[in-house]
Amino acid sequence: MIETIVFDVGETLTNDNRYWGAWAQWLDIPRHTLSALVGAVVTQGRDNSDALRLARPGLDVDAEWRAREAAGRGEYLDESDLYPDVRPTLGGLRELGVRVVVAGNQTARAGELLRALGLPADLVVMSEEWGAAKPEPAFFARVLGVSGTRAEHTLYVGDHPANDVFPAHAAGLRTAHLRRGPWGHWWADDPAVRATADWSVGSLGEVAELVRGEREA
C-alpha cells in the first residue's frame, strides 16, 4: 500500500512557461525559438540547459544565471505557476492519510518560493538544499530518508524518465510517469519507460485515484 507520495516539481507541480519565457527575454530571442530548441533537446534525451547553449553557443549558464539574479531578474514562482490539479490532489491525499513530500531538482530559492505558497504537503525540499540532485542515488537516498516508510510503500511521481522514473525505480521506489510537459509527453510511449514505471498517468488526479483504488481493494 502507498503510504508516502513524493512529487517532482518542474512540469509536475509547476509549468515551465515563466522559466523559459524569462530566459528568452534575458537572451533577447523569441520565445517560440527557445521553445523549439527545448523541444529539440527533449527528443534527443539531452539536458534542458542545452537549449540555452544552442541559442547562445558557448554560453556559461551558471554565470548567466548569477547575472540574472544580480539584475533582479532571477527566479520567481507564484500561484499562477501551479497546475490546477496540484492543490486539490495534494490536499486530498493528505485527507486519505498519505504523507505528501515535494522534492525536485530546483534551487534553494525555489524551495523558499514553494513553501511560501503554503502547499498542502508535509515537506517541501529542493536538491540544492540537500546537496544532491537527480538522478544521483544520493538524492533518492534522501527521499527515502524523509518518506517515513519503506521504499516499496513510497511512490515517486515525475515527468522525466532519466531524472525521475529510472533512478527512483533503481532505488526501490514505486514510480508513476506523468504525461505532462515536453518530457512527459515525448517519452510516454517509450518501451523502457513503460516497462519501468509502475503506472503512467495523465494528471495528478489519477495518482489520487490509484491510492483510493489500493485502499478499497
N, C-alpha and C. Protein backbone atom coordinates (compact mmCIF):
# COMPACT_ATOMS: atom_id res chain seq x y z
N MET A 1 0.84 -1.20 0.00
CA MET A 1 0.00 0.00 0.00
C MET A 1 0.88 1.25 0.00
N ILE A 2 0.49 2.25 -0.76
CA ILE A 2 1.24 3.50 -0.83
C ILE A 2 0.97 4.32 0.42
N GLU A 3 2.03 4.64 1.14
CA GLU A 3 1.92 5.43 2.36
C GLU A 3 2.47 6.84 2.20
N THR A 4 3.45 6.99 1.29
CA THR A 4 4.07 8.30 1.04
C THR A 4 4.16 8.52 -0.46
N ILE A 5 3.81 9.72 -0.90
CA ILE A 5 3.98 10.09 -2.31
C ILE A 5 4.89 11.30 -2.38
N VAL A 6 5.91 11.18 -3.21
CA VAL A 6 6.90 12.25 -3.40
C VAL A 6 6.74 12.79 -4.81
N PHE A 7 6.57 14.09 -4.91
CA PHE A 7 6.32 14.73 -6.21
C PHE A 7 7.53 15.52 -6.68
N ASP A 8 7.87 15.34 -7.94
CA ASP A 8 8.78 16.21 -8.67
C ASP A 8 8.14 17.60 -8.73
N VAL A 9 8.90 18.60 -9.19
CA VAL A 9 8.37 19.97 -9.24
C VAL A 9 8.11 20.42 -10.68
N GLY A 10 9.18 20.67 -11.46
CA GLY A 10 9.01 21.23 -12.80
C GLY A 10 8.23 20.33 -13.73
N GLU A 11 7.15 20.84 -14.30
CA GLU A 11 6.24 20.12 -15.20
C GLU A 11 5.53 18.95 -14.53
N THR A 12 5.57 18.94 -13.19
CA THR A 12 4.74 18.02 -12.42
C THR A 12 3.78 18.84 -11.57
N LEU A 13 4.34 19.73 -10.75
CA LEU A 13 3.51 20.66 -9.98
C LEU A 13 3.44 22.03 -10.63
N THR A 14 4.53 22.46 -11.23
CA THR A 14 4.57 23.79 -11.84
C THR A 14 4.82 23.67 -13.34
N ASN A 15 4.24 24.61 -14.11
CA ASN A 15 4.55 24.63 -15.54
C ASN A 15 5.76 25.54 -15.76
N ASP A 16 6.47 25.28 -16.84
CA ASP A 16 7.74 25.97 -17.08
C ASP A 16 7.61 27.20 -17.98
N ASN A 17 6.40 27.68 -18.19
CA ASN A 17 6.21 28.83 -19.08
C ASN A 17 7.02 30.04 -18.61
N ARG A 18 6.92 30.35 -17.33
CA ARG A 18 7.64 31.52 -16.82
C ARG A 18 9.15 31.32 -16.92
N TYR A 19 9.59 30.12 -16.59
CA TYR A 19 11.03 29.81 -16.59
C TYR A 19 11.65 30.07 -17.96
N TRP A 20 11.05 29.45 -19.00
CA TRP A 20 11.63 29.59 -20.33
C TRP A 20 11.35 30.97 -20.92
N GLY A 21 10.22 31.55 -20.58
CA GLY A 21 9.93 32.89 -21.04
C GLY A 21 10.94 33.91 -20.52
N ALA A 22 11.32 33.75 -19.25
CA ALA A 22 12.30 34.66 -18.65
C ALA A 22 13.67 34.50 -19.30
N TRP A 23 14.03 33.25 -19.63
CA TRP A 23 15.30 33.05 -20.32
C TRP A 23 15.29 33.66 -21.72
N ALA A 24 14.18 33.48 -22.43
CA ALA A 24 14.08 34.06 -23.78
C ALA A 24 14.21 35.58 -23.72
N GLN A 25 13.56 36.18 -22.75
CA GLN A 25 13.64 37.64 -22.60
C GLN A 25 15.05 38.07 -22.26
N TRP A 26 15.70 37.34 -21.36
CA TRP A 26 17.05 37.69 -20.94
C TRP A 26 18.04 37.57 -22.10
N LEU A 27 17.89 36.53 -22.90
CA LEU A 27 18.80 36.31 -24.03
C LEU A 27 18.38 37.08 -25.28
N ASP A 28 17.24 37.74 -25.19
CA ASP A 28 16.72 38.55 -26.30
C ASP A 28 16.51 37.72 -27.56
N ILE A 29 15.80 36.60 -27.38
CA ILE A 29 15.42 35.77 -28.52
C ILE A 29 13.93 35.49 -28.43
N PRO A 30 13.26 35.25 -29.55
CA PRO A 30 11.82 34.97 -29.50
C PRO A 30 11.50 33.74 -28.65
N ARG A 31 10.40 33.80 -27.95
CA ARG A 31 10.02 32.66 -27.11
C ARG A 31 9.82 31.40 -27.93
N HIS A 32 9.22 31.55 -29.12
CA HIS A 32 8.97 30.34 -29.90
C HIS A 32 10.26 29.69 -30.35
N THR A 33 11.32 30.52 -30.54
CA THR A 33 12.62 29.95 -30.93
C THR A 33 13.18 29.10 -29.81
N LEU A 34 13.15 29.63 -28.59
CA LEU A 34 13.67 28.87 -27.46
C LEU A 34 12.81 27.63 -27.19
N SER A 35 11.50 27.77 -27.34
CA SER A 35 10.61 26.61 -27.16
C SER A 35 10.95 25.50 -28.14
N ALA A 36 11.23 25.89 -29.39
CA ALA A 36 11.59 24.89 -30.39
C ALA A 36 12.91 24.20 -30.04
N LEU A 37 13.85 24.95 -29.51
CA LEU A 37 15.13 24.37 -29.12
C LEU A 37 14.98 23.44 -27.93
N VAL A 38 14.10 23.82 -27.00
CA VAL A 38 13.81 22.93 -25.87
C VAL A 38 13.24 21.62 -26.39
N GLY A 39 12.32 21.71 -27.33
CA GLY A 39 11.74 20.51 -27.92
C GLY A 39 12.79 19.64 -28.58
N ALA A 40 13.75 20.28 -29.23
CA ALA A 40 14.80 19.52 -29.90
C ALA A 40 15.65 18.72 -28.92
N VAL A 41 16.04 19.36 -27.82
CA VAL A 41 16.89 18.63 -26.86
C VAL A 41 16.09 17.56 -26.12
N VAL A 42 14.80 17.79 -25.94
CA VAL A 42 13.95 16.77 -25.31
C VAL A 42 13.96 15.49 -26.14
N THR A 43 13.74 15.64 -27.44
CA THR A 43 13.65 14.46 -28.31
C THR A 43 14.98 13.73 -28.41
N GLN A 44 16.08 14.42 -28.12
CA GLN A 44 17.40 13.80 -28.17
C GLN A 44 17.84 13.26 -26.81
N GLY A 45 17.00 13.46 -25.78
CA GLY A 45 17.33 12.99 -24.45
C GLY A 45 18.43 13.79 -23.78
N ARG A 46 18.61 15.03 -24.21
CA ARG A 46 19.67 15.88 -23.66
C ARG A 46 19.16 16.71 -22.50
N ASP A 47 20.08 17.32 -21.76
CA ASP A 47 19.73 18.19 -20.66
C ASP A 47 19.06 19.46 -21.20
N ASN A 48 18.06 19.95 -20.46
CA ASN A 48 17.32 21.11 -20.98
C ASN A 48 18.18 22.36 -21.11
N SER A 49 19.24 22.47 -20.31
CA SER A 49 20.11 23.64 -20.42
C SER A 49 20.83 23.69 -21.77
N ASP A 50 20.87 22.56 -22.48
CA ASP A 50 21.48 22.56 -23.81
C ASP A 50 20.71 23.45 -24.78
N ALA A 51 19.42 23.67 -24.51
CA ALA A 51 18.64 24.56 -25.36
C ALA A 51 19.20 25.97 -25.30
N LEU A 52 19.64 26.38 -24.11
CA LEU A 52 20.22 27.72 -23.96
C LEU A 52 21.55 27.81 -24.69
N ARG A 53 22.32 26.73 -24.66
CA ARG A 53 23.62 26.75 -25.34
C ARG A 53 23.46 26.69 -26.86
N LEU A 54 22.37 26.10 -27.32
CA LEU A 54 22.10 26.14 -28.75
C LEU A 54 21.72 27.54 -29.19
N ALA A 55 20.99 28.23 -28.31
CA ALA A 55 20.60 29.60 -28.62
C ALA A 55 21.78 30.56 -28.58
N ARG A 56 22.68 30.31 -27.65
CA ARG A 56 23.87 31.16 -27.50
C ARG A 56 25.08 30.25 -27.33
N PRO A 57 25.71 29.82 -28.42
CA PRO A 57 26.87 28.93 -28.33
C PRO A 57 27.94 29.48 -27.39
N GLY A 58 28.44 28.60 -26.54
CA GLY A 58 29.47 28.99 -25.59
C GLY A 58 28.94 29.63 -24.33
N LEU A 59 27.62 29.71 -24.19
CA LEU A 59 27.02 30.34 -23.03
C LEU A 59 27.39 29.62 -21.74
N ASP A 60 27.82 30.37 -20.73
CA ASP A 60 28.05 29.84 -19.38
C ASP A 60 26.74 30.01 -18.63
N VAL A 61 25.96 28.94 -18.55
CA VAL A 61 24.62 29.05 -17.99
C VAL A 61 24.65 29.49 -16.54
N ASP A 62 25.56 28.94 -15.75
CA ASP A 62 25.63 29.31 -14.34
C ASP A 62 25.99 30.78 -14.16
N ALA A 63 26.94 31.26 -14.95
CA ALA A 63 27.33 32.66 -14.85
C ALA A 63 26.19 33.57 -15.28
N GLU A 64 25.48 33.15 -16.31
CA GLU A 64 24.35 33.94 -16.80
C GLU A 64 23.23 33.97 -15.78
N TRP A 65 23.04 32.85 -15.09
CA TRP A 65 22.03 32.79 -14.03
C TRP A 65 22.37 33.77 -12.91
N ARG A 66 23.64 33.81 -12.53
CA ARG A 66 24.06 34.76 -11.48
C ARG A 66 23.86 36.19 -11.93
N ALA A 67 24.09 36.44 -13.21
CA ALA A 67 23.88 37.79 -13.74
C ALA A 67 22.41 38.16 -13.69
N ARG A 68 21.53 37.23 -13.97
CA ARG A 68 20.10 37.49 -13.88
C ARG A 68 19.70 37.81 -12.44
N GLU A 69 20.23 37.04 -11.52
CA GLU A 69 19.92 37.28 -10.10
C GLU A 69 20.40 38.66 -9.68
N ALA A 70 21.60 39.04 -10.09
CA ALA A 70 22.16 40.34 -9.73
C ALA A 70 21.36 41.48 -10.32
N ALA A 71 20.73 41.22 -11.46
CA ALA A 71 19.93 42.25 -12.13
C ALA A 71 18.49 42.28 -11.62
N GLY A 72 18.18 41.43 -10.63
CA GLY A 72 16.82 41.39 -10.11
C GLY A 72 15.86 40.67 -11.03
N ARG A 73 16.37 39.82 -11.89
CA ARG A 73 15.54 39.09 -12.84
C ARG A 73 15.73 37.59 -12.68
N GLY A 74 15.86 37.20 -11.42
CA GLY A 74 16.09 35.80 -11.11
C GLY A 74 14.81 35.00 -10.94
N GLU A 75 14.89 33.96 -10.14
CA GLU A 75 13.80 33.00 -10.02
C GLU A 75 12.59 33.60 -9.33
N TYR A 76 11.41 33.20 -9.84
CA TYR A 76 10.16 33.66 -9.24
C TYR A 76 9.07 32.63 -9.50
N LEU A 77 8.24 32.39 -8.50
CA LEU A 77 7.09 31.50 -8.63
C LEU A 77 5.93 32.08 -7.85
N ASP A 78 4.73 31.94 -8.39
CA ASP A 78 3.55 32.30 -7.62
C ASP A 78 2.44 31.30 -7.95
N GLU A 79 1.25 31.56 -7.44
CA GLU A 79 0.15 30.62 -7.58
C GLU A 79 -0.17 30.30 -9.04
N SER A 80 0.05 31.27 -9.93
CA SER A 80 -0.28 31.06 -11.35
C SER A 80 0.64 30.03 -12.01
N ASP A 81 1.76 29.70 -11.38
CA ASP A 81 2.68 28.72 -11.94
C ASP A 81 2.28 27.29 -11.62
N LEU A 82 1.35 27.10 -10.69
CA LEU A 82 0.91 25.76 -10.32
C LEU A 82 -0.11 25.23 -11.32
N TYR A 83 -0.02 23.94 -11.64
CA TYR A 83 -1.07 23.32 -12.43
C TYR A 83 -2.35 23.26 -11.59
N PRO A 84 -3.52 23.35 -12.24
CA PRO A 84 -4.78 23.43 -11.49
C PRO A 84 -5.07 22.24 -10.58
N ASP A 85 -4.50 21.07 -10.90
CA ASP A 85 -4.81 19.88 -10.09
C ASP A 85 -3.90 19.72 -8.87
N VAL A 86 -2.97 20.65 -8.67
CA VAL A 86 -1.99 20.48 -7.59
C VAL A 86 -2.63 20.55 -6.20
N ARG A 87 -3.28 21.66 -5.90
CA ARG A 87 -3.83 21.81 -4.54
C ARG A 87 -4.90 20.77 -4.21
N PRO A 88 -5.88 20.54 -5.10
CA PRO A 88 -6.89 19.54 -4.75
C PRO A 88 -6.31 18.13 -4.58
N THR A 89 -5.33 17.79 -5.40
CA THR A 89 -4.76 16.44 -5.30
C THR A 89 -3.93 16.28 -4.03
N LEU A 90 -3.03 17.21 -3.77
CA LEU A 90 -2.19 17.09 -2.59
C LEU A 90 -3.04 17.14 -1.31
N GLY A 91 -4.01 18.05 -1.31
CA GLY A 91 -4.89 18.13 -0.14
C GLY A 91 -5.71 16.87 0.05
N GLY A 92 -6.21 16.30 -1.05
CA GLY A 92 -7.00 15.08 -0.98
C GLY A 92 -6.18 13.90 -0.50
N LEU A 93 -4.93 13.83 -0.92
CA LEU A 93 -4.06 12.74 -0.48
C LEU A 93 -3.80 12.81 1.02
N ARG A 94 -3.60 13.99 1.52
CA ARG A 94 -3.38 14.13 2.96
C ARG A 94 -4.62 13.74 3.75
N GLU A 95 -5.78 14.04 3.19
CA GLU A 95 -7.02 13.62 3.86
C GLU A 95 -7.14 12.10 3.91
N LEU A 96 -6.52 11.43 2.94
CA LEU A 96 -6.53 9.97 2.92
C LEU A 96 -5.48 9.38 3.87
N GLY A 97 -4.69 10.25 4.49
CA GLY A 97 -3.66 9.78 5.39
C GLY A 97 -2.32 9.52 4.74
N VAL A 98 -2.15 9.98 3.51
CA VAL A 98 -0.89 9.80 2.79
C VAL A 98 0.06 10.93 3.15
N ARG A 99 1.32 10.59 3.40
CA ARG A 99 2.35 11.60 3.62
C ARG A 99 2.73 12.17 2.26
N VAL A 100 2.71 13.49 2.12
CA VAL A 100 2.99 14.15 0.85
C VAL A 100 4.30 14.93 0.96
N VAL A 101 5.22 14.61 0.07
CA VAL A 101 6.53 15.27 0.03
C VAL A 101 6.74 15.85 -1.36
N VAL A 102 7.28 17.04 -1.43
CA VAL A 102 7.66 17.67 -2.69
C VAL A 102 9.19 17.75 -2.71
N ALA A 103 9.82 17.10 -3.67
CA ALA A 103 11.27 17.08 -3.75
C ALA A 103 11.70 17.07 -5.21
N GLY A 104 12.27 18.17 -5.68
CA GLY A 104 12.65 18.28 -7.08
C GLY A 104 14.05 18.80 -7.27
N ASN A 105 14.46 18.88 -8.52
CA ASN A 105 15.79 19.38 -8.90
C ASN A 105 15.74 20.89 -9.07
N GLN A 106 15.60 21.59 -7.98
CA GLN A 106 15.49 23.04 -8.02
C GLN A 106 16.44 23.69 -7.02
N THR A 107 16.49 25.00 -7.11
CA THR A 107 17.36 25.77 -6.23
C THR A 107 16.73 25.93 -4.85
N ALA A 108 17.56 26.37 -3.90
CA ALA A 108 17.05 26.68 -2.56
C ALA A 108 16.02 27.80 -2.64
N ARG A 109 16.23 28.73 -3.56
CA ARG A 109 15.27 29.83 -3.73
C ARG A 109 13.91 29.30 -4.16
N ALA A 110 13.89 28.31 -5.06
CA ALA A 110 12.63 27.71 -5.48
C ALA A 110 11.94 27.06 -4.30
N GLY A 111 12.72 26.43 -3.41
CA GLY A 111 12.15 25.84 -2.22
C GLY A 111 11.47 26.89 -1.35
N GLU A 112 12.13 28.03 -1.19
CA GLU A 112 11.55 29.12 -0.40
C GLU A 112 10.24 29.60 -1.01
N LEU A 113 10.24 29.77 -2.33
CA LEU A 113 9.05 30.27 -3.01
C LEU A 113 7.89 29.28 -2.92
N LEU A 114 8.19 27.99 -3.07
CA LEU A 114 7.13 26.99 -2.98
C LEU A 114 6.58 26.88 -1.56
N ARG A 115 7.45 26.94 -0.58
CA ARG A 115 6.97 26.88 0.81
C ARG A 115 6.12 28.09 1.15
N ALA A 116 6.45 29.22 0.55
CA ALA A 116 5.67 30.44 0.79
C ALA A 116 4.25 30.33 0.24
N LEU A 117 4.04 29.43 -0.73
CA LEU A 117 2.71 29.24 -1.30
C LEU A 117 1.81 28.41 -0.39
N GLY A 118 2.39 27.80 0.65
CA GLY A 118 1.58 27.03 1.58
C GLY A 118 0.93 25.81 0.96
N LEU A 119 1.69 25.07 0.19
CA LEU A 119 1.16 23.86 -0.43
C LEU A 119 0.73 22.86 0.65
N PRO A 120 -0.33 22.07 0.38
CA PRO A 120 -0.74 21.04 1.33
C PRO A 120 0.21 19.86 1.28
N ALA A 121 1.39 20.02 1.84
CA ALA A 121 2.43 18.99 1.83
C ALA A 121 3.09 18.94 3.20
N ASP A 122 3.58 17.76 3.53
CA ASP A 122 4.27 17.58 4.81
C ASP A 122 5.69 18.11 4.76
N LEU A 123 6.28 18.12 3.57
CA LEU A 123 7.65 18.59 3.41
C LEU A 123 7.85 19.08 2.00
N VAL A 124 8.52 20.22 1.85
CA VAL A 124 8.91 20.76 0.55
C VAL A 124 10.41 21.02 0.62
N VAL A 125 11.19 20.32 -0.20
CA VAL A 125 12.64 20.46 -0.15
C VAL A 125 13.20 20.30 -1.55
N MET A 126 14.27 21.03 -1.85
CA MET A 126 14.87 21.01 -3.18
C MET A 126 16.28 20.40 -3.16
N SER A 127 16.72 19.98 -4.33
CA SER A 127 18.01 19.31 -4.44
C SER A 127 19.17 20.18 -3.93
N GLU A 128 19.12 21.47 -4.20
CA GLU A 128 20.21 22.34 -3.74
C GLU A 128 20.29 22.37 -2.22
N GLU A 129 19.15 22.25 -1.57
CA GLU A 129 19.13 22.24 -0.11
C GLU A 129 19.69 20.93 0.44
N TRP A 130 19.56 19.86 -0.32
CA TRP A 130 20.09 18.57 0.09
C TRP A 130 21.54 18.38 -0.31
N GLY A 131 22.00 19.14 -1.30
CA GLY A 131 23.34 18.93 -1.80
C GLY A 131 23.46 17.68 -2.65
N ALA A 132 22.33 17.24 -3.21
CA ALA A 132 22.30 16.07 -4.09
C ALA A 132 21.19 16.28 -5.10
N ALA A 133 21.47 15.98 -6.35
CA ALA A 133 20.50 16.24 -7.42
C ALA A 133 20.17 14.97 -8.18
N LYS A 134 18.96 14.90 -8.70
CA LYS A 134 18.57 13.79 -9.57
C LYS A 134 19.42 13.82 -10.84
N PRO A 135 19.80 12.70 -11.37
CA PRO A 135 19.42 11.33 -11.00
C PRO A 135 20.37 10.63 -10.03
N GLU A 136 21.15 11.38 -9.25
CA GLU A 136 22.12 10.77 -8.34
C GLU A 136 21.41 9.88 -7.32
N PRO A 137 21.98 8.71 -7.02
CA PRO A 137 21.40 7.85 -5.98
C PRO A 137 21.27 8.56 -4.64
N ALA A 138 22.18 9.50 -4.37
CA ALA A 138 22.14 10.22 -3.09
C ALA A 138 20.85 11.00 -2.93
N PHE A 139 20.31 11.50 -4.03
CA PHE A 139 19.04 12.24 -3.96
C PHE A 139 17.93 11.31 -3.49
N PHE A 140 17.86 10.14 -4.08
CA PHE A 140 16.78 9.21 -3.74
C PHE A 140 17.00 8.56 -2.37
N ALA A 141 18.26 8.52 -1.93
CA ALA A 141 18.51 8.09 -0.55
C ALA A 141 17.92 9.12 0.41
N ARG A 142 18.04 10.39 0.06
CA ARG A 142 17.44 11.44 0.89
C ARG A 142 15.91 11.36 0.85
N VAL A 143 15.37 11.04 -0.33
CA VAL A 143 13.92 10.87 -0.45
C VAL A 143 13.44 9.79 0.52
N LEU A 144 14.15 8.66 0.52
CA LEU A 144 13.76 7.58 1.42
C LEU A 144 13.95 7.97 2.87
N GLY A 145 14.92 8.84 3.13
CA GLY A 145 15.16 9.27 4.49
C GLY A 145 14.03 10.12 5.06
N VAL A 146 13.29 10.81 4.18
CA VAL A 146 12.20 11.67 4.66
C VAL A 146 10.82 11.06 4.39
N SER A 147 10.78 9.90 3.73
CA SER A 147 9.49 9.34 3.36
C SER A 147 8.71 8.82 4.56
N GLY A 148 9.44 8.37 5.58
CA GLY A 148 8.77 7.86 6.76
C GLY A 148 8.26 6.44 6.61
N THR A 149 8.62 5.79 5.51
CA THR A 149 8.17 4.41 5.29
C THR A 149 9.18 3.70 4.39
N ARG A 150 8.93 2.46 4.09
CA ARG A 150 9.85 1.69 3.25
C ARG A 150 9.71 2.08 1.78
N ALA A 151 10.72 1.74 1.01
CA ALA A 151 10.76 2.12 -0.40
C ALA A 151 9.54 1.60 -1.16
N GLU A 152 9.13 0.35 -0.87
CA GLU A 152 8.02 -0.23 -1.61
C GLU A 152 6.67 0.40 -1.27
N HIS A 153 6.65 1.22 -0.23
CA HIS A 153 5.43 1.94 0.13
C HIS A 153 5.52 3.43 -0.23
N THR A 154 6.59 3.77 -0.96
CA THR A 154 6.82 5.16 -1.36
C THR A 154 6.70 5.28 -2.88
N LEU A 155 5.92 6.22 -3.35
CA LEU A 155 5.71 6.44 -4.78
C LEU A 155 6.34 7.76 -5.19
N TYR A 156 7.17 7.72 -6.23
CA TYR A 156 7.74 8.96 -6.78
C TYR A 156 7.01 9.28 -8.08
N VAL A 157 6.52 10.51 -8.20
CA VAL A 157 5.76 10.96 -9.37
C VAL A 157 6.55 12.03 -10.11
N GLY A 158 6.80 11.82 -11.39
CA GLY A 158 7.52 12.82 -12.17
C GLY A 158 7.34 12.62 -13.66
N ASP A 159 7.75 13.63 -14.42
CA ASP A 159 7.56 13.61 -15.87
C ASP A 159 8.80 13.15 -16.63
N HIS A 160 9.96 13.17 -15.99
CA HIS A 160 11.23 12.98 -16.70
C HIS A 160 11.76 11.55 -16.47
N PRO A 161 11.81 10.73 -17.50
CA PRO A 161 12.27 9.35 -17.31
C PRO A 161 13.66 9.24 -16.69
N ALA A 162 14.63 9.97 -17.25
CA ALA A 162 16.01 9.82 -16.80
C ALA A 162 16.24 10.39 -15.40
N ASN A 163 15.49 11.41 -15.04
CA ASN A 163 15.67 12.03 -13.73
C ASN A 163 14.72 11.49 -12.67
N ASP A 164 13.58 10.98 -13.10
CA ASP A 164 12.55 10.57 -12.15
C ASP A 164 12.31 9.06 -12.15
N VAL A 165 11.81 8.54 -13.26
CA VAL A 165 11.36 7.15 -13.29
C VAL A 165 12.49 6.15 -13.09
N PHE A 166 13.54 6.25 -13.89
CA PHE A 166 14.60 5.24 -13.85
C PHE A 166 15.36 5.24 -12.52
N PRO A 167 15.84 6.40 -12.04
CA PRO A 167 16.60 6.37 -10.78
C PRO A 167 15.73 6.06 -9.57
N ALA A 168 14.48 6.50 -9.57
CA ALA A 168 13.59 6.17 -8.45
C ALA A 168 13.33 4.67 -8.41
N HIS A 169 13.11 4.09 -9.58
CA HIS A 169 12.91 2.63 -9.66
C HIS A 169 14.16 1.89 -9.17
N ALA A 170 15.33 2.38 -9.57
CA ALA A 170 16.58 1.74 -9.17
C ALA A 170 16.77 1.79 -7.66
N ALA A 171 16.20 2.82 -7.02
CA ALA A 171 16.29 2.96 -5.57
C ALA A 171 15.26 2.12 -4.84
N GLY A 172 14.40 1.43 -5.59
CA GLY A 172 13.41 0.56 -4.99
C GLY A 172 12.05 1.19 -4.77
N LEU A 173 11.90 2.46 -5.19
CA LEU A 173 10.61 3.12 -5.04
C LEU A 173 9.64 2.68 -6.12
N ARG A 174 8.37 2.82 -5.87
CA ARG A 174 7.38 2.68 -6.91
C ARG A 174 7.35 4.00 -7.68
N THR A 175 6.97 3.93 -8.95
CA THR A 175 7.06 5.13 -9.79
C THR A 175 5.81 5.33 -10.62
N ALA A 176 5.49 6.60 -10.85
CA ALA A 176 4.41 6.97 -11.77
C ALA A 176 4.97 7.99 -12.74
N HIS A 177 4.91 7.68 -14.03
CA HIS A 177 5.36 8.62 -15.06
C HIS A 177 4.19 9.49 -15.46
N LEU A 178 4.37 10.80 -15.35
CA LEU A 178 3.31 11.77 -15.64
C LEU A 178 3.44 12.30 -17.06
N ARG A 179 2.38 12.11 -17.85
CA ARG A 179 2.35 12.64 -19.22
C ARG A 179 1.99 14.12 -19.16
N ARG A 180 2.98 14.93 -18.85
CA ARG A 180 2.78 16.37 -18.72
C ARG A 180 4.07 17.07 -19.11
N GLY A 181 3.96 18.16 -19.84
CA GLY A 181 5.15 18.86 -20.28
C GLY A 181 5.84 18.11 -21.40
N PRO A 182 6.87 18.71 -21.99
CA PRO A 182 7.52 18.10 -23.17
C PRO A 182 8.14 16.74 -22.88
N TRP A 183 8.82 16.58 -21.74
CA TRP A 183 9.45 15.30 -21.43
C TRP A 183 8.39 14.22 -21.19
N GLY A 184 7.37 14.58 -20.44
CA GLY A 184 6.33 13.62 -20.13
C GLY A 184 5.60 13.11 -21.35
N HIS A 185 5.29 14.02 -22.28
CA HIS A 185 4.57 13.61 -23.48
C HIS A 185 5.47 12.86 -24.46
N TRP A 186 6.68 13.37 -24.68
CA TRP A 186 7.53 12.77 -25.70
C TRP A 186 7.92 11.34 -25.34
N TRP A 187 8.22 11.09 -24.05
CA TRP A 187 8.73 9.80 -23.63
C TRP A 187 7.64 8.86 -23.10
N ALA A 188 6.37 9.28 -23.17
CA ALA A 188 5.29 8.49 -22.56
C ALA A 188 5.18 7.08 -23.13
N ASP A 189 5.40 6.93 -24.43
CA ASP A 189 5.23 5.62 -25.06
C ASP A 189 6.55 4.88 -25.29
N ASP A 190 7.62 5.41 -24.71
CA ASP A 190 8.91 4.75 -24.86
C ASP A 190 8.85 3.38 -24.16
N PRO A 191 9.27 2.31 -24.83
CA PRO A 191 9.18 0.98 -24.23
C PRO A 191 9.89 0.86 -22.88
N ALA A 192 11.04 1.51 -22.74
CA ALA A 192 11.77 1.43 -21.48
C ALA A 192 11.01 2.11 -20.35
N VAL A 193 10.36 3.23 -20.67
CA VAL A 193 9.56 3.93 -19.65
C VAL A 193 8.36 3.08 -19.25
N ARG A 194 7.69 2.53 -20.23
CA ARG A 194 6.51 1.70 -19.95
C ARG A 194 6.89 0.45 -19.15
N ALA A 195 8.07 -0.10 -19.43
CA ALA A 195 8.49 -1.31 -18.73
C ALA A 195 8.95 -1.01 -17.30
N THR A 196 9.37 0.22 -17.06
CA THR A 196 9.93 0.57 -15.75
C THR A 196 8.91 1.17 -14.80
N ALA A 197 8.11 2.11 -15.29
CA ALA A 197 7.14 2.79 -14.42
C ALA A 197 6.04 1.84 -13.98
N ASP A 198 5.66 1.92 -12.72
CA ASP A 198 4.54 1.12 -12.22
C ASP A 198 3.23 1.60 -12.84
N TRP A 199 3.14 2.92 -13.06
CA TRP A 199 1.94 3.49 -13.65
C TRP A 199 2.32 4.62 -14.60
N SER A 200 1.47 4.85 -15.59
CA SER A 200 1.56 6.02 -16.44
C SER A 200 0.27 6.79 -16.24
N VAL A 201 0.38 8.07 -15.89
CA VAL A 201 -0.81 8.86 -15.57
C VAL A 201 -0.81 10.15 -16.37
N GLY A 202 -2.00 10.68 -16.60
CA GLY A 202 -2.13 11.91 -17.37
C GLY A 202 -2.42 13.12 -16.52
N SER A 203 -2.62 12.91 -15.21
CA SER A 203 -2.89 14.02 -14.30
C SER A 203 -2.56 13.59 -12.88
N LEU A 204 -2.47 14.55 -11.99
CA LEU A 204 -2.23 14.22 -10.59
C LEU A 204 -3.47 13.58 -9.98
N GLY A 205 -4.63 13.94 -10.50
CA GLY A 205 -5.86 13.33 -10.00
C GLY A 205 -5.85 11.83 -10.16
N GLU A 206 -5.22 11.33 -11.23
CA GLU A 206 -5.13 9.89 -11.44
C GLU A 206 -4.28 9.23 -10.36
N VAL A 207 -3.30 9.97 -9.84
CA VAL A 207 -2.48 9.44 -8.75
C VAL A 207 -3.35 9.22 -7.51
N ALA A 208 -4.19 10.19 -7.22
CA ALA A 208 -5.08 10.05 -6.07
C ALA A 208 -6.02 8.87 -6.25
N GLU A 209 -6.49 8.64 -7.47
CA GLU A 209 -7.37 7.51 -7.73
C GLU A 209 -6.64 6.18 -7.52
N LEU A 210 -5.36 6.13 -7.84
CA LEU A 210 -4.58 4.92 -7.60
C LEU A 210 -4.56 4.59 -6.11
N VAL A 211 -4.36 5.62 -5.30
CA VAL A 211 -4.31 5.40 -3.85
C VAL A 211 -5.66 4.93 -3.34
N ARG A 212 -6.73 5.57 -3.80
CA ARG A 212 -8.06 5.15 -3.36
C ARG A 212 -8.36 3.71 -3.79
N GLY A 213 -7.94 3.38 -5.02
CA GLY A 213 -8.15 2.03 -5.51
C GLY A 213 -7.44 0.99 -4.68
N GLU A 214 -6.19 1.29 -4.29
CA GLU A 214 -5.44 0.36 -3.46
C GLU A 214 -6.11 0.16 -2.10
N ARG A 215 -6.66 1.23 -1.56
CA ARG A 215 -7.23 1.14 -0.22
C ARG A 215 -8.61 0.50 -0.21
N GLU A 216 -9.25 0.50 -1.37
CA GLU A 216 -10.57 -0.13 -1.45
C GLU A 216 -10.49 -1.58 -1.89
N ALA A 217 -9.32 -1.99 -2.40
CA ALA A 217 -9.16 -3.36 -2.90
C ALA A 217 -9.20 -4.39 -1.77
